[in-house]
Amino acid sequence: MVDHYRARISGPLLDRIDLHIPVPAVKYRELVAEGDCEDSPTIRARILAARDRQRQRLSFFGVSCNAQMTPRAVRRFCKLDGACARLLEKAMKQVGLSARAYDRILRVSRTIADLHGSETIESKHVAEAIQYRCLDRTYKP
């Protein structure tokens, strides 16, 4: 009955419904471990470099960041290889994400790739964007 009812609800509305996706807890040792932590100036430099890459890439389309990309720009700059496409397809089927969510995951993946200085979107970028999207759907402040 739940599946029948869900089929009657539009995708944009489903995006706003709380789905309670389980998120594994962070281990205490990982929180307190002395690791390679970036300081604020380093992070700032990565962000500025990513924004500059986005401005240069998207200037032809009259926008300055990935969030403003038109569907045509998304198709052009958010191309996925086979492994990335399979990962995203699996997530879409398992979680029941809409076309809007798919588009948003592509944009966020492109941004994560920019932050890592990568010209291509890799599986780890897509996985992080999917995780962000799933957390975004369940988080309530």
N, C-alpha and C. Protein backbone atom coordinates (compact mmCIF):
# COMPACT_ATOMS: atom_id res chain seq x y z
N MET A 1 0.82 -1.19 0.00
CA MET A 1 0.00 0.00 0.00
C MET A 1 0.86 1.26 0.00
N VAL A 2 1.98 1.18 0.72
CA VAL A 2 2.87 2.34 0.77
C VAL A 2 3.43 2.64 -0.61
N ASP A 3 3.86 1.60 -1.32
CA ASP A 3 4.39 1.80 -2.67
C ASP A 3 3.33 2.37 -3.60
N HIS A 4 2.10 1.91 -3.48
CA HIS A 4 1.01 2.43 -4.31
C HIS A 4 0.78 3.91 -4.03
N TYR A 5 0.79 4.28 -2.77
CA TYR A 5 0.59 5.69 -2.39
C TYR A 5 1.75 6.55 -2.86
N ARG A 6 2.98 6.04 -2.68
CA ARG A 6 4.16 6.80 -3.13
C ARG A 6 4.14 7.06 -4.62
N ALA A 7 3.64 6.12 -5.39
CA ALA A 7 3.60 6.28 -6.85
C ALA A 7 2.69 7.44 -7.25
N ARG A 8 1.78 7.82 -6.38
CA ARG A 8 0.85 8.91 -6.68
C ARG A 8 1.39 10.28 -6.30
N ILE A 9 2.51 10.33 -5.60
CA ILE A 9 3.08 11.60 -5.13
C ILE A 9 4.15 12.06 -6.12
N SER A 10 4.19 13.36 -6.41
CA SER A 10 5.16 13.89 -7.36
C SER A 10 6.57 13.86 -6.78
N GLY A 11 7.56 13.78 -7.67
CA GLY A 11 8.96 13.74 -7.27
C GLY A 11 9.39 14.92 -6.41
N PRO A 12 9.09 16.17 -6.81
CA PRO A 12 9.49 17.31 -5.99
C PRO A 12 8.91 17.27 -4.58
N LEU A 13 7.71 16.74 -4.45
CA LEU A 13 7.13 16.62 -3.11
C LEU A 13 7.82 15.51 -2.32
N LEU A 14 8.13 14.40 -3.00
CA LEU A 14 8.85 13.32 -2.31
C LEU A 14 10.21 13.77 -1.80
N ASP A 15 10.85 14.70 -2.53
CA ASP A 15 12.15 15.23 -2.09
C ASP A 15 12.06 15.87 -0.72
N ARG A 16 10.90 16.32 -0.35
CA ARG A 16 10.73 17.05 0.91
C ARG A 16 10.24 16.17 2.06
N ILE A 17 10.01 14.90 1.78
CA ILE A 17 9.50 13.98 2.81
C ILE A 17 10.68 13.31 3.51
N ASP A 18 10.60 13.21 4.81
CA ASP A 18 11.64 12.59 5.63
C ASP A 18 11.64 11.08 5.40
N LEU A 19 12.77 10.51 4.94
CA LEU A 19 12.84 9.09 4.65
C LEU A 19 13.63 8.28 5.69
N HIS A 20 14.23 8.91 6.65
CA HIS A 20 15.01 8.24 7.70
C HIS A 20 16.04 7.28 7.13
N ILE A 21 17.01 7.81 6.44
CA ILE A 21 18.09 7.00 5.90
C ILE A 21 19.15 6.84 6.99
N PRO A 22 19.50 5.60 7.34
CA PRO A 22 20.47 5.41 8.42
C PRO A 22 21.85 5.91 8.03
N VAL A 23 22.50 6.59 8.95
CA VAL A 23 23.86 7.09 8.74
C VAL A 23 24.73 6.50 9.83
N PRO A 24 25.82 5.83 9.46
CA PRO A 24 26.67 5.20 10.48
C PRO A 24 27.30 6.25 11.39
N ALA A 25 27.43 5.89 12.66
CA ALA A 25 28.03 6.80 13.63
C ALA A 25 29.54 6.89 13.39
N VAL A 26 30.10 8.05 13.69
CA VAL A 26 31.54 8.25 13.58
C VAL A 26 32.19 7.66 14.83
N LYS A 27 33.27 6.92 14.63
CA LYS A 27 33.96 6.31 15.76
C LYS A 27 34.73 7.38 16.53
N TYR A 28 34.75 7.23 17.84
CA TYR A 28 35.41 8.19 18.71
C TYR A 28 36.88 8.37 18.33
N ARG A 29 37.55 7.27 18.03
CA ARG A 29 38.99 7.34 17.69
C ARG A 29 39.23 8.20 16.44
N GLU A 30 38.28 8.17 15.51
CA GLU A 30 38.42 8.99 14.30
C GLU A 30 38.27 10.47 14.63
N LEU A 31 37.44 10.79 15.61
CA LEU A 31 37.23 12.18 15.98
C LEU A 31 38.44 12.79 16.68
N VAL A 32 39.11 11.99 17.52
CA VAL A 32 40.21 12.52 18.32
C VAL A 32 41.59 12.24 17.71
N ALA A 33 41.64 11.51 16.62
CA ALA A 33 42.92 11.13 16.01
C ALA A 33 43.65 12.36 15.48
N GLU A 34 44.94 12.35 15.70
CA GLU A 34 45.79 13.40 15.15
C GLU A 34 46.04 13.04 13.69
N GLY A 35 45.51 13.79 12.80
CA GLY A 35 45.66 13.48 11.38
C GLY A 35 46.10 14.69 10.60
N ASP A 36 46.09 14.52 9.31
CA ASP A 36 46.42 15.62 8.42
C ASP A 36 45.21 16.54 8.30
N CYS A 37 45.16 17.55 9.13
CA CYS A 37 44.06 18.51 9.10
C CYS A 37 44.52 19.75 8.36
N GLU A 38 43.66 20.24 7.51
CA GLU A 38 43.97 21.47 6.79
C GLU A 38 43.63 22.66 7.67
N ASP A 39 44.48 23.66 7.62
CA ASP A 39 44.18 24.88 8.36
C ASP A 39 43.28 25.78 7.50
N SER A 40 42.70 26.77 8.11
CA SER A 40 41.74 27.64 7.41
C SER A 40 42.31 28.31 6.17
N PRO A 41 43.53 28.85 6.21
CA PRO A 41 44.06 29.48 4.98
C PRO A 41 44.20 28.49 3.81
N THR A 42 44.54 27.25 4.11
CA THR A 42 44.65 26.24 3.05
C THR A 42 43.29 25.93 2.45
N ILE A 43 42.30 25.77 3.32
CA ILE A 43 40.94 25.51 2.85
C ILE A 43 40.43 26.68 2.03
N ARG A 44 40.69 27.89 2.50
CA ARG A 44 40.26 29.10 1.78
C ARG A 44 40.88 29.13 0.38
N ALA A 45 42.15 28.78 0.28
CA ALA A 45 42.84 28.78 -1.01
C ALA A 45 42.20 27.76 -1.96
N ARG A 46 41.85 26.57 -1.44
CA ARG A 46 41.20 25.56 -2.28
C ARG A 46 39.84 26.04 -2.78
N ILE A 47 39.09 26.71 -1.90
CA ILE A 47 37.77 27.21 -2.28
C ILE A 47 37.90 28.30 -3.34
N LEU A 48 38.82 29.22 -3.14
CA LEU A 48 39.01 30.29 -4.13
C LEU A 48 39.45 29.73 -5.48
N ALA A 49 40.32 28.72 -5.46
CA ALA A 49 40.77 28.09 -6.70
C ALA A 49 39.60 27.40 -7.40
N ALA A 50 38.74 26.71 -6.62
CA ALA A 50 37.58 26.03 -7.20
C ALA A 50 36.60 27.04 -7.81
N ARG A 51 36.38 28.13 -7.10
CA ARG A 51 35.48 29.18 -7.63
C ARG A 51 36.02 29.78 -8.91
N ASP A 52 37.34 29.97 -8.96
CA ASP A 52 37.96 30.51 -10.16
C ASP A 52 37.80 29.55 -11.34
N ARG A 53 38.00 28.25 -11.09
CA ARG A 53 37.79 27.24 -12.15
C ARG A 53 36.35 27.29 -12.66
N GLN A 54 35.40 27.40 -11.73
CA GLN A 54 33.99 27.44 -12.11
C GLN A 54 33.68 28.69 -12.94
N ARG A 55 34.19 29.82 -12.51
CA ARG A 55 33.95 31.07 -13.26
C ARG A 55 34.48 30.96 -14.68
N GLN A 56 35.70 30.44 -14.82
CA GLN A 56 36.30 30.30 -16.15
C GLN A 56 35.51 29.32 -17.02
N ARG A 57 35.13 28.18 -16.44
CA ARG A 57 34.43 27.15 -17.18
C ARG A 57 33.04 27.61 -17.63
N LEU A 58 32.36 28.36 -16.78
CA LEU A 58 30.96 28.70 -17.02
C LEU A 58 30.72 30.10 -17.58
N SER A 59 31.78 30.85 -17.84
CA SER A 59 31.61 32.22 -18.31
C SER A 59 30.82 32.28 -19.62
N PHE A 60 30.99 31.30 -20.49
CA PHE A 60 30.26 31.24 -21.75
C PHE A 60 28.75 31.18 -21.52
N PHE A 61 28.34 30.54 -20.42
CA PHE A 61 26.92 30.36 -20.13
C PHE A 61 26.35 31.51 -19.31
N GLY A 62 27.18 32.49 -18.97
CA GLY A 62 26.70 33.66 -18.23
C GLY A 62 26.44 33.40 -16.76
N VAL A 63 27.04 32.36 -16.20
CA VAL A 63 26.91 32.07 -14.77
C VAL A 63 28.31 31.93 -14.18
N SER A 64 28.39 31.98 -12.86
CA SER A 64 29.71 31.96 -12.25
C SER A 64 29.97 30.80 -11.31
N CYS A 65 28.97 29.97 -11.04
CA CYS A 65 29.21 28.82 -10.15
C CYS A 65 28.37 27.63 -10.58
N ASN A 66 28.76 26.45 -10.11
CA ASN A 66 28.08 25.22 -10.50
C ASN A 66 26.61 25.20 -10.12
N ALA A 67 26.26 25.83 -9.03
CA ALA A 67 24.86 25.84 -8.59
C ALA A 67 23.95 26.54 -9.59
N GLN A 68 24.50 27.43 -10.40
CA GLN A 68 23.72 28.19 -11.37
C GLN A 68 23.72 27.57 -12.77
N MET A 69 24.36 26.40 -12.92
CA MET A 69 24.46 25.79 -14.25
C MET A 69 23.08 25.50 -14.86
N THR A 70 22.98 25.79 -16.13
CA THR A 70 21.78 25.44 -16.89
C THR A 70 21.82 23.93 -17.17
N PRO A 71 20.69 23.34 -17.54
CA PRO A 71 20.70 21.90 -17.89
C PRO A 71 21.72 21.58 -18.99
N ARG A 72 21.86 22.48 -19.94
CA ARG A 72 22.83 22.28 -21.02
C ARG A 72 24.26 22.25 -20.48
N ALA A 73 24.56 23.15 -19.55
CA ALA A 73 25.89 23.18 -18.94
C ALA A 73 26.14 21.94 -18.09
N VAL A 74 25.11 21.47 -17.40
CA VAL A 74 25.24 20.24 -16.59
C VAL A 74 25.60 19.07 -17.50
N ARG A 75 24.90 18.93 -18.62
CA ARG A 75 25.19 17.84 -19.57
C ARG A 75 26.61 17.94 -20.10
N ARG A 76 27.08 19.15 -20.30
CA ARG A 76 28.41 19.34 -20.88
C ARG A 76 29.54 19.13 -19.87
N PHE A 77 29.38 19.62 -18.65
CA PHE A 77 30.47 19.62 -17.68
C PHE A 77 30.37 18.58 -16.57
N CYS A 78 29.28 17.85 -16.53
CA CYS A 78 29.09 16.84 -15.47
C CYS A 78 28.98 15.45 -16.07
N LYS A 79 29.86 15.13 -16.98
CA LYS A 79 29.84 13.81 -17.61
C LYS A 79 30.42 12.79 -16.65
N LEU A 80 29.77 11.63 -16.61
CA LEU A 80 30.19 10.56 -15.70
C LEU A 80 30.73 9.38 -16.50
N ASP A 81 31.78 8.73 -15.97
CA ASP A 81 32.26 7.51 -16.60
C ASP A 81 31.33 6.37 -16.18
N GLY A 82 31.59 5.18 -16.66
CA GLY A 82 30.71 4.04 -16.40
C GLY A 82 30.53 3.74 -14.92
N ALA A 83 31.61 3.74 -14.16
CA ALA A 83 31.54 3.42 -12.73
C ALA A 83 30.71 4.47 -11.98
N CYS A 84 30.92 5.73 -12.31
CA CYS A 84 30.16 6.81 -11.66
C CYS A 84 28.68 6.71 -11.99
N ALA A 85 28.39 6.44 -13.24
CA ALA A 85 27.00 6.34 -13.68
C ALA A 85 26.29 5.17 -12.99
N ARG A 86 26.99 4.04 -12.86
CA ARG A 86 26.39 2.88 -12.18
C ARG A 86 26.15 3.18 -10.71
N LEU A 87 27.09 3.85 -10.07
CA LEU A 87 26.94 4.22 -8.66
C LEU A 87 25.73 5.12 -8.46
N LEU A 88 25.59 6.12 -9.31
CA LEU A 88 24.47 7.04 -9.20
C LEU A 88 23.14 6.34 -9.52
N GLU A 89 23.15 5.48 -10.51
CA GLU A 89 21.93 4.73 -10.85
C GLU A 89 21.48 3.85 -9.68
N LYS A 90 22.44 3.18 -9.06
CA LYS A 90 22.12 2.32 -7.92
C LYS A 90 21.53 3.14 -6.77
N ALA A 91 22.12 4.30 -6.49
CA ALA A 91 21.61 5.17 -5.43
C ALA A 91 20.20 5.67 -5.76
N MET A 92 19.99 6.03 -7.01
CA MET A 92 18.67 6.52 -7.43
C MET A 92 17.61 5.45 -7.20
N LYS A 93 17.92 4.20 -7.55
CA LYS A 93 16.96 3.12 -7.40
C LYS A 93 16.72 2.77 -5.93
N GLN A 94 17.81 2.69 -5.15
CA GLN A 94 17.68 2.28 -3.75
C GLN A 94 16.96 3.31 -2.90
N VAL A 95 17.25 4.59 -3.13
CA VAL A 95 16.70 5.65 -2.29
C VAL A 95 15.45 6.25 -2.92
N GLY A 96 15.26 6.05 -4.21
CA GLY A 96 14.09 6.59 -4.89
C GLY A 96 14.20 8.09 -5.12
N LEU A 97 15.38 8.54 -5.56
CA LEU A 97 15.59 9.97 -5.79
C LEU A 97 14.92 10.41 -7.08
N SER A 98 14.54 11.67 -7.13
CA SER A 98 13.86 12.24 -8.30
C SER A 98 14.88 12.75 -9.32
N ALA A 99 14.36 13.21 -10.45
CA ALA A 99 15.21 13.81 -11.49
C ALA A 99 15.88 15.08 -10.95
N ARG A 100 15.17 15.82 -10.12
CA ARG A 100 15.76 17.02 -9.50
C ARG A 100 16.93 16.65 -8.62
N ALA A 101 16.79 15.57 -7.86
CA ALA A 101 17.88 15.12 -7.00
C ALA A 101 19.07 14.66 -7.84
N TYR A 102 18.80 13.98 -8.94
CA TYR A 102 19.86 13.55 -9.86
C TYR A 102 20.67 14.75 -10.34
N ASP A 103 19.97 15.78 -10.78
CA ASP A 103 20.62 17.00 -11.27
C ASP A 103 21.45 17.65 -10.16
N ARG A 104 20.91 17.71 -8.98
CA ARG A 104 21.62 18.33 -7.86
C ARG A 104 22.88 17.53 -7.50
N ILE A 105 22.78 16.21 -7.52
CA ILE A 105 23.94 15.36 -7.23
C ILE A 105 25.04 15.60 -8.26
N LEU A 106 24.67 15.76 -9.52
CA LEU A 106 25.67 16.05 -10.55
C LEU A 106 26.38 17.38 -10.28
N ARG A 107 25.61 18.39 -9.92
CA ARG A 107 26.20 19.71 -9.64
C ARG A 107 27.12 19.66 -8.43
N VAL A 108 26.68 18.99 -7.38
CA VAL A 108 27.50 18.88 -6.17
C VAL A 108 28.75 18.05 -6.45
N SER A 109 28.62 16.98 -7.25
CA SER A 109 29.78 16.17 -7.64
C SER A 109 30.81 17.02 -8.37
N ARG A 110 30.33 17.87 -9.28
CA ARG A 110 31.22 18.75 -10.03
C ARG A 110 31.94 19.70 -9.08
N THR A 111 31.23 20.22 -8.07
CA THR A 111 31.83 21.13 -7.10
C THR A 111 32.88 20.41 -6.26
N ILE A 112 32.58 19.20 -5.82
CA ILE A 112 33.54 18.43 -5.03
C ILE A 112 34.78 18.15 -5.86
N ALA A 113 34.60 17.81 -7.13
CA ALA A 113 35.74 17.59 -8.03
C ALA A 113 36.56 18.87 -8.16
N ASP A 114 35.90 20.01 -8.28
CA ASP A 114 36.61 21.29 -8.35
C ASP A 114 37.42 21.55 -7.09
N LEU A 115 36.85 21.24 -5.93
CA LEU A 115 37.57 21.44 -4.66
C LEU A 115 38.80 20.55 -4.57
N HIS A 116 38.74 19.38 -5.21
CA HIS A 116 39.89 18.48 -5.21
C HIS A 116 40.84 18.76 -6.37
N GLY A 117 40.50 19.74 -7.20
CA GLY A 117 41.36 20.10 -8.33
C GLY A 117 41.30 19.11 -9.47
N SER A 118 40.21 18.37 -9.57
CA SER A 118 40.07 17.35 -10.60
C SER A 118 39.28 17.87 -11.79
N GLU A 119 39.77 17.58 -12.98
CA GLU A 119 39.06 17.98 -14.20
C GLU A 119 37.86 17.08 -14.47
N THR A 120 37.92 15.84 -13.99
CA THR A 120 36.82 14.90 -14.21
C THR A 120 36.14 14.56 -12.89
N ILE A 121 34.90 14.17 -12.99
CA ILE A 121 34.17 13.72 -11.80
C ILE A 121 34.48 12.25 -11.60
N GLU A 122 34.94 11.91 -10.40
CA GLU A 122 35.32 10.54 -10.07
C GLU A 122 34.27 9.91 -9.16
N SER A 123 34.36 8.61 -9.00
CA SER A 123 33.39 7.88 -8.16
C SER A 123 33.34 8.43 -6.75
N LYS A 124 34.51 8.79 -6.19
CA LYS A 124 34.52 9.30 -4.81
C LYS A 124 33.77 10.62 -4.71
N HIS A 125 33.78 11.43 -5.78
CA HIS A 125 33.04 12.70 -5.78
C HIS A 125 31.54 12.44 -5.82
N VAL A 126 31.13 11.48 -6.65
CA VAL A 126 29.71 11.14 -6.75
C VAL A 126 29.23 10.55 -5.43
N ALA A 127 30.02 9.66 -4.84
CA ALA A 127 29.64 9.03 -3.57
C ALA A 127 29.45 10.08 -2.48
N GLU A 128 30.35 11.05 -2.42
CA GLU A 128 30.23 12.11 -1.42
C GLU A 128 28.99 12.97 -1.67
N ALA A 129 28.70 13.25 -2.93
CA ALA A 129 27.51 14.05 -3.25
C ALA A 129 26.23 13.29 -2.91
N ILE A 130 26.22 11.98 -3.16
CA ILE A 130 25.05 11.16 -2.81
C ILE A 130 24.86 11.17 -1.30
N GLN A 131 25.95 11.00 -0.58
CA GLN A 131 25.88 11.01 0.89
C GLN A 131 25.35 12.35 1.38
N TYR A 132 25.86 13.42 0.81
CA TYR A 132 25.38 14.76 1.18
C TYR A 132 23.88 14.89 0.91
N ARG A 133 23.45 14.43 -0.25
CA ARG A 133 22.03 14.53 -0.63
C ARG A 133 21.15 13.73 0.32
N CYS A 134 21.58 12.52 0.66
CA CYS A 134 20.79 11.69 1.56
C CYS A 134 20.74 12.29 2.97
N LEU A 135 21.84 12.84 3.43
CA LEU A 135 21.86 13.49 4.74
C LEU A 135 20.99 14.75 4.72
N ASP A 136 21.05 15.48 3.62
CA ASP A 136 20.27 16.71 3.48
C ASP A 136 18.77 16.42 3.57
N ARG A 137 18.36 15.25 3.08
CA ARG A 137 16.94 14.89 3.08
C ARG A 137 16.45 14.51 4.49
N THR A 138 17.37 14.04 5.34
CA THR A 138 16.92 13.55 6.65
C THR A 138 17.24 14.51 7.78
N TYR A 139 18.09 15.49 7.56
CA TYR A 139 18.51 16.39 8.63
C TYR A 139 17.43 17.42 8.96
N LYS A 140 17.11 17.52 10.23
CA LYS A 140 16.15 18.53 10.69
C LYS A 140 16.76 19.25 11.88
N PRO A 141 17.11 20.53 11.73
CA PRO A 141 17.75 21.25 12.84
C PRO A 141 16.82 21.44 14.02
